[in-house]
Amino acid sequence: MPTTLLWLFVVNLGTVFGAGFYEARITTARWRGPSVAAGPGWHPEEARRDDVGRRFWGFTTTLPLTLLTLGNLWLAARASEPSRAWWLAAGVVALTERTVTFGYFIPQMVKLMAMEDSPPARARSTRWVRLNAIRLLLVLAAWLCSLQALVLLRNS
């Protein structure tokens, strides 16, 4: 069972990283396209049309990744070396990402989707996109740590 849960964690983190990278490069470009003012505008109609939170992220991260993170943290705390440290690191980093997602990213996107293009909406969307890059790095770090833990667990 520990190996299976770790495998599921690895696969889910990889999916989340790939989808997050796609969203950061492709999808948010439509949300933040050119405006009549200088710099990128905020296009809430595009964000509402995509509605990626309910159409995609809810099925891949909101419940699945959160449960996998908690389950893997519990198993990692009981694991033996050499996989324990990497497994715990993956769990802690993923838990950090889950915390900031629920505490900042989801509430901010809900607010952004209700705002029309304006200087405050542009500033908020710019901040969201910049911080999202850090969140994506957290997912990458958790994924790489979980891959290392899996390799060490399988070789022990």
Protein backbone atom coordinates (compact mmCIF):
# COMPACT_ATOMS: atom_id res chain seq x y z
CA MET A 1 0.00 0.00 0.00
CA PRO A 2 2.73 2.58 0.73
CA THR A 3 4.27 2.08 -2.70
CA THR A 4 0.88 2.40 -4.39
CA LEU A 5 0.04 5.65 -2.58
CA LEU A 6 3.45 7.04 -3.39
CA TRP A 7 2.99 6.08 -7.05
CA LEU A 8 -0.39 7.84 -7.10
CA PHE A 9 1.22 10.89 -5.46
CA VAL A 10 3.97 10.95 -8.10
CA VAL A 11 1.51 10.61 -10.99
CA ASN A 12 -0.84 13.25 -9.59
CA LEU A 13 1.97 15.73 -8.92
CA GLY A 14 3.29 15.19 -12.45
CA THR A 15 -0.15 15.82 -13.90
CA VAL A 16 -0.60 18.91 -11.76
CA PHE A 17 2.81 20.27 -12.78
CA GLY A 18 2.16 19.70 -16.49
CA ALA A 19 -1.31 21.20 -16.35
CA GLY A 20 -0.10 24.10 -14.24
CA PHE A 21 2.69 24.82 -16.70
CA TYR A 22 0.20 24.72 -19.58
CA GLU A 23 -2.15 27.04 -17.71
CA ALA A 24 0.66 29.47 -16.90
CA ARG A 25 1.89 29.60 -20.50
CA ILE A 26 -1.32 29.31 -22.51
CA THR A 27 -4.52 29.85 -20.54
CA THR A 28 -3.57 32.85 -18.42
CA ALA A 29 -2.37 34.62 -21.57
CA ARG A 30 -6.01 34.80 -22.70
CA TRP A 31 -7.13 35.99 -19.28
CA ARG A 32 -4.53 38.73 -19.30
CA GLY A 33 -4.45 39.84 -22.92
CA PRO A 34 -3.84 43.35 -24.24
CA SER A 35 -5.95 46.19 -22.91
CA VAL A 36 -6.61 49.75 -23.96
CA ALA A 37 -4.31 50.85 -21.13
CA ALA A 38 -0.61 50.11 -20.99
CA GLY A 39 0.28 46.54 -20.06
CA PRO A 40 -1.88 43.45 -19.89
CA GLY A 41 -5.56 43.79 -19.18
CA TRP A 42 -7.82 41.49 -17.21
CA HIS A 43 -10.43 39.60 -19.23
CA PRO A 44 -12.75 37.94 -16.71
CA GLU A 45 -15.05 36.64 -19.44
CA GLU A 46 -12.18 34.42 -20.63
CA ALA A 47 -11.49 33.18 -17.10
CA ARG A 48 -15.20 32.53 -16.52
CA ARG A 49 -15.51 30.73 -19.86
CA ASP A 50 -12.55 28.46 -19.03
CA ASP A 51 -13.65 28.03 -15.39
CA VAL A 52 -10.64 25.76 -14.87
CA GLY A 53 -11.20 25.56 -11.13
CA ARG A 54 -14.44 23.68 -11.50
CA ARG A 55 -13.76 22.05 -14.86
CA PHE A 56 -10.27 20.67 -14.18
CA TRP A 57 -8.50 21.57 -10.93
CA GLY A 58 -11.31 20.34 -8.70
CA PHE A 59 -10.90 16.85 -10.14
CA THR A 60 -7.09 16.74 -10.09
CA THR A 61 -5.99 18.75 -7.07
CA THR A 62 -8.69 20.06 -4.77
CA LEU A 63 -9.67 16.70 -3.36
CA PRO A 64 -7.30 14.10 -4.92
CA LEU A 65 -3.97 15.88 -4.36
CA THR A 66 -5.01 17.07 -0.92
CA LEU A 67 -5.93 13.54 0.18
CA LEU A 68 -2.82 12.05 -1.43
CA THR A 69 -0.67 14.67 0.30
CA LEU A 70 -2.12 13.89 3.73
CA GLY A 71 -1.92 10.14 3.18
CA ASN A 72 1.65 10.30 1.94
CA LEU A 73 2.71 12.51 4.84
CA TRP A 74 1.27 9.97 7.24
CA LEU A 75 3.06 7.09 5.48
CA ALA A 76 6.32 9.06 5.13
CA ALA A 77 6.41 9.73 8.86
CA ARG A 78 6.36 5.97 9.43
CA ALA A 79 8.74 5.03 6.61
CA SER A 80 12.29 3.89 7.10
CA GLU A 81 15.38 5.40 5.56
CA PRO A 82 16.55 6.02 2.90
CA SER A 83 13.20 7.09 1.37
CA ARG A 84 11.82 8.76 4.52
CA ALA A 85 13.55 12.14 4.21
CA TRP A 86 12.66 12.60 0.53
CA TRP A 87 9.13 11.38 1.09
CA LEU A 88 8.61 13.74 4.02
CA ALA A 89 10.07 16.62 2.01
CA ALA A 90 7.65 15.88 -0.83
CA GLY A 91 4.73 15.80 1.58
CA VAL A 92 5.69 18.98 3.39
CA VAL A 93 6.24 20.91 0.16
CA ALA A 94 2.94 19.62 -1.28
CA LEU A 95 1.15 20.53 1.97
CA THR A 96 2.62 24.04 1.73
CA GLU A 97 1.36 24.31 -1.85
CA ARG A 98 -2.09 23.04 -0.81
CA THR A 99 -2.22 25.57 2.05
CA VAL A 100 -1.39 28.57 -0.15
CA THR A 101 -3.77 27.32 -2.83
CA PHE A 102 -6.71 27.19 -0.42
CA GLY A 103 -5.64 30.28 1.49
CA TYR A 104 -4.76 32.60 -1.40
CA PHE A 105 -5.10 31.30 -4.96
CA ILE A 106 -8.65 29.99 -4.95
CA PRO A 107 -10.15 32.97 -3.08
CA GLN A 108 -8.25 35.46 -5.25
CA MET A 109 -9.36 33.80 -8.49
CA VAL A 110 -12.97 33.81 -7.31
CA LYS A 111 -12.64 37.56 -6.66
CA LEU A 112 -10.88 38.15 -9.98
CA MET A 113 -13.58 36.34 -11.93
CA ALA A 114 -16.14 38.73 -10.43
CA MET A 115 -14.12 41.85 -11.38
CA GLU A 116 -14.21 43.71 -14.66
CA ASP A 117 -11.05 45.04 -16.32
CA SER A 118 -9.75 47.91 -14.19
CA PRO A 119 -6.44 49.00 -12.65
CA PRO A 120 -7.17 47.08 -9.40
CA ALA A 121 -8.12 43.94 -11.37
CA ARG A 122 -4.98 44.24 -13.51
CA ALA A 123 -2.79 44.64 -10.40
CA ARG A 124 -4.47 41.70 -8.65
CA SER A 125 -4.17 39.46 -11.72
CA THR A 126 -0.50 40.41 -12.17
CA ARG A 127 0.21 39.50 -8.55
CA TRP A 128 -1.74 36.23 -8.92
CA VAL A 129 0.25 35.23 -12.02
CA ARG A 130 3.62 36.08 -10.43
CA LEU A 131 2.83 34.17 -7.25
CA ASN A 132 1.46 31.29 -9.30
CA ALA A 133 4.94 30.80 -10.77
CA ILE A 134 6.22 30.20 -7.23
CA ARG A 135 3.36 27.81 -6.57
CA LEU A 136 4.29 25.91 -9.72
CA LEU A 137 7.87 25.63 -8.46
CA LEU A 138 6.53 24.16 -5.21
CA VAL A 139 4.66 21.50 -7.20
CA LEU A 140 7.83 20.75 -9.19
CA ALA A 141 9.88 20.43 -5.99
CA ALA A 142 7.29 18.11 -4.42
CA TRP A 143 7.18 16.02 -7.60
CA LEU A 144 10.96 15.66 -7.79
CA CYS A 145 11.22 14.79 -4.10
CA SER A 146 8.45 12.20 -4.45
CA LEU A 147 10.19 10.66 -7.48
CA GLN A 148 13.41 10.36 -5.48
CA ALA A 149 11.49 8.82 -2.58
CA LEU A 150 9.89 6.31 -4.94
CA VAL A 151 13.24 5.31 -6.41
CA LEU A 152 14.73 4.85 -2.93
CA LEU A 153 11.68 2.94 -1.69
CA ARG A 154 11.74 0.58 -4.66
CA ASN A 155 15.50 -0.01 -4.28
CA SER A 156 15.38 -0.77 -0.56
